[in-house]
Amino acid sequence: MKWKKLGQIFDPTDHELPNGCVEFAQSPQALVYADFVRIYFSTRQRDESGKYLSHISFVDFDRQLSRVLEVSKHSDASTSTASFR
């Protein structure tokens, strides 16, 4: 595999994430499918006391990682896996 540095390909502040999460997209894990790439990431929701609670979300890209196809609408793994194509 040859590595090609792309820089930042996703900014969570540009998208509406589930549970009011807005600031973080950390610890990415990618799954490559025939026609898209799904990247799971940890995002954070701030609770009433100001502490952060992590949630798992995903973003789907085209195979070239140049275009966002979809962003998860739920952070619950049981509902997000239902959207596999």
C-alpha atoms as a PDB file:
ATOM      1  CA  MET A   1       0.000   0.000   0.000  1.00  0.00           C
ATOM      2  CA  LYS A   2       1.296   3.422  -0.893  1.00  0.00           C
ATOM      3  CA  TRP A   3       0.385   6.238   1.499  1.00  0.00           C
ATOM      4  CA  LYS A   4      -0.895   9.519   0.098  1.00  0.00           C
ATOM      5  CA  LYS A   5      -1.321  12.347   2.604  1.00  0.00           C
ATOM      6  CA  LEU A   6      -4.636  14.129   2.021  1.00  0.00           C
ATOM      7  CA  GLY A   7      -4.775  16.407   5.048  1.00  0.00           C
ATOM      8  CA  GLN A   8      -8.137  17.102   6.676  1.00  0.00           C
ATOM      9  CA  ILE A   9     -10.934  15.472   4.688  1.00  0.00           C
ATOM     10  CA  PHE A  10     -13.798  15.960   7.167  1.00  0.00           C
ATOM     11  CA  ASP A  11     -14.729  18.824   9.469  1.00  0.00           C
ATOM     12  CA  PRO A  12     -17.480  17.890  11.958  1.00  0.00           C
ATOM     13  CA  THR A  13     -18.420  21.539  12.411  1.00  0.00           C
ATOM     14  CA  ASP A  14     -19.632  21.608   8.794  1.00  0.00           C
ATOM     15  CA  HIS A  15     -22.238  18.880   9.422  1.00  0.00           C
ATOM     16  CA  GLU A  16     -25.152  18.191  11.727  1.00  0.00           C
ATOM     17  CA  LEU A  17     -24.067  15.273  13.909  1.00  0.00           C
ATOM     18  CA  PRO A  18     -26.394  13.251  16.157  1.00  0.00           C
ATOM     19  CA  ASN A  19     -26.949  14.121  19.839  1.00  0.00           C
ATOM     20  CA  GLY A  20     -25.820  17.717  19.403  1.00  0.00           C
ATOM     21  CA  CYS A  21     -22.195  16.676  18.877  1.00  0.00           C
ATOM     22  CA  VAL A  22     -20.283  19.443  17.162  1.00  0.00           C
ATOM     23  CA  GLU A  23     -16.577  19.642  17.805  1.00  0.00           C
ATOM     24  CA  PHE A  24     -14.700  16.372  17.511  1.00  0.00           C
ATOM     25  CA  ALA A  25     -13.973  13.662  14.940  1.00  0.00           C
ATOM     26  CA  GLN A  26     -11.236  11.589  16.523  1.00  0.00           C
ATOM     27  CA  SER A  27      -9.933   8.023  16.391  1.00  0.00           C
ATOM     28  CA  PRO A  28     -11.037   7.269  12.811  1.00  0.00           C
ATOM     29  CA  GLN A  29     -11.523   3.673  11.663  1.00  0.00           C
ATOM     30  CA  ALA A  30     -12.234   3.001   7.979  1.00  0.00           C
ATOM     31  CA  LEU A  31     -14.173   0.237   6.234  1.00  0.00           C
ATOM     32  CA  VAL A  32     -13.704   0.075   2.467  1.00  0.00           C
ATOM     33  CA  TYR A  33     -16.665  -1.125   0.391  1.00  0.00           C
ATOM     34  CA  ALA A  34     -16.995  -1.614  -3.348  1.00  0.00           C
ATOM     35  CA  ASP A  35     -18.467   1.832  -3.985  1.00  0.00           C
ATOM     36  CA  PHE A  36     -17.759   3.902  -0.853  1.00  0.00           C
ATOM     37  CA  VAL A  37     -15.577   4.217   2.252  1.00  0.00           C
ATOM     38  CA  ARG A  38     -17.215   4.450   5.684  1.00  0.00           C
ATOM     39  CA  ILE A  39     -15.163   6.092   8.411  1.00  0.00           C
ATOM     40  CA  TYR A  40     -16.318   5.629  11.988  1.00  0.00           C
ATOM     41  CA  PHE A  41     -15.128   8.235  14.484  1.00  0.00           C
ATOM     42  CA  SER A  42     -15.632   9.357  18.037  1.00  0.00           C
ATOM     43  CA  THR A  43     -17.405  12.659  18.539  1.00  0.00           C
ATOM     44  CA  ARG A  44     -18.395  14.463  21.701  1.00  0.00           C
ATOM     45  CA  GLN A  45     -21.501  15.939  23.270  1.00  0.00           C
ATOM     46  CA  ARG A  46     -21.194  18.379  26.144  1.00  0.00           C
ATOM     47  CA  ASP A  47     -23.515  17.564  29.047  1.00  0.00           C
ATOM     48  CA  GLU A  48     -25.201  19.975  31.450  1.00  0.00           C
ATOM     49  CA  SER A  49     -22.179  20.034  33.763  1.00  0.00           C
ATOM     50  CA  GLY A  50     -19.811  20.921  30.904  1.00  0.00           C
ATOM     51  CA  LYS A  51     -18.242  17.473  30.670  1.00  0.00           C
ATOM     52  CA  TYR A  52     -17.966  15.645  27.363  1.00  0.00           C
ATOM     53  CA  LEU A  53     -19.657  12.350  26.514  1.00  0.00           C
ATOM     54  CA  SER A  54     -18.299  10.392  23.550  1.00  0.00           C
ATOM     55  CA  HIS A  55     -20.496   8.981  20.782  1.00  0.00           C
ATOM     56  CA  ILE A  56     -19.682   6.911  17.722  1.00  0.00           C
ATOM     57  CA  SER A  57     -20.666   8.374  14.358  1.00  0.00           C
ATOM     58  CA  PHE A  58     -19.674   7.753  10.764  1.00  0.00           C
ATOM     59  CA  VAL A  59     -19.158   9.540   7.491  1.00  0.00           C
ATOM     60  CA  ASP A  60     -19.383   7.904   4.060  1.00  0.00           C
ATOM     61  CA  PHE A  61     -17.023   9.075   1.310  1.00  0.00           C
ATOM     62  CA  ASP A  62     -16.618   8.195  -2.324  1.00  0.00           C
ATOM     63  CA  ARG A  63     -13.710   5.817  -2.974  1.00  0.00           C
ATOM     64  CA  GLN A  64     -11.338   8.744  -3.664  1.00  0.00           C
ATOM     65  CA  LEU A  65     -12.177  10.351  -0.271  1.00  0.00           C
ATOM     66  CA  SER A  66     -12.971  13.579  -2.083  1.00  0.00           C
ATOM     67  CA  ARG A  67     -16.744  13.823  -1.554  1.00  0.00           C
ATOM     68  CA  VAL A  68     -18.944  13.232   1.502  1.00  0.00           C
ATOM     69  CA  LEU A  69     -21.866  10.990   0.559  1.00  0.00           C
ATOM     70  CA  GLU A  70     -23.598  10.733   3.930  1.00  0.00           C
ATOM     71  CA  VAL A  71     -23.113  11.539   7.608  1.00  0.00           C
ATOM     72  CA  SER A  72     -24.688   9.375  10.309  1.00  0.00           C
ATOM     73  CA  LYS A  73     -27.958  10.576  11.721  1.00  0.00           C
ATOM     74  CA  HIS A  74     -27.798   8.330  14.821  1.00  0.00           C
ATOM     75  CA  SER A  75     -24.921   7.526  17.150  1.00  0.00           C
ATOM     76  CA  ASP A  76     -26.345   4.207  18.292  1.00  0.00           C
ATOM     77  CA  ALA A  77     -24.388   1.407  16.572  1.00  0.00           C
ATOM     78  CA  SER A  78     -27.510  -0.730  16.220  1.00  0.00           C
ATOM     79  CA  THR A  79     -29.223   1.926  14.084  1.00  0.00           C
ATOM     80  CA  SER A  80     -26.190   3.110  12.113  1.00  0.00           C
ATOM     81  CA  THR A  81     -25.398  -0.379  10.822  1.00  0.00           C
ATOM     82  CA  ALA A  82     -28.869  -0.533   9.303  1.00  0.00           C
ATOM     83  CA  SER A  83     -27.799   2.069   6.767  1.00  0.00           C
ATOM     84  CA  PHE A  84     -25.171  -0.149   5.105  1.00  0.00           C
ATOM     85  CA  ARG A  85     -25.692  -0.137   1.387  1.00  0.00           C
END
